[in-house]
């Protein structure tokens, strides 16, 4: 019996292969029919609930948060080390193993003192192409948003993105390992200030600074 991820991996492979294939002059009638048949089958399995990166079911998410994510920073760091960040966000468009548009990037929690950083090494493929030979700048920004947001989550200071500033220092190249690092600089009330970097070897590709706004405390 296959795992759900097996189907998503196969869909991701189709997306990636289609991006670099010369399609003119080929007859894909049978494949198109098969893909539509698959889409019809998946449509019949659709869950009608609020869309979330963490779960298909709101009640399931609430239960997991109550069990796993209320133990403060150390508890959340330990949980991130146990299940991985993709375990927190399986439907993320960047790290989600159950999202067919996700690369997916394997974010890892690294404990540094009493805080946690998020690190990753990922090779971007042509489906993420922007400038010749490089990753699309919007993809870089989106990954930074996820990187810094996840860094806040594992440190129990999560919130919505308030501002995100990107400095593109050099091309982020396709087809080679890109190392990523995110960390929390400081917390001021409801605001968390986080920073991240992309490197190709020793070359700095981009930096990001984000301010994440936590929820208001109920009164």
Foldseek 3Di string as FASTA:
>chain_A
DDDLLVVLVVLLVVLQVVLPDDDPPDDCPVVVVVVVVVVVVVVVVQQPDDDDQQDSDPVVLVVCCVVQPPPALVSLLVVCQVQNVLNRGLCDCAQHSNHSNHPHWRWHWDDDPSAIKIKTKDAAGPSQDDPVQAGNPVVVQVVVLVRQQSSCRSRVLHAAWDDKDKDFPAGHGHPAIKMKMKHWDDDDVQWTWMKMWIDRVPRTGMIMITIGGHDDDDD
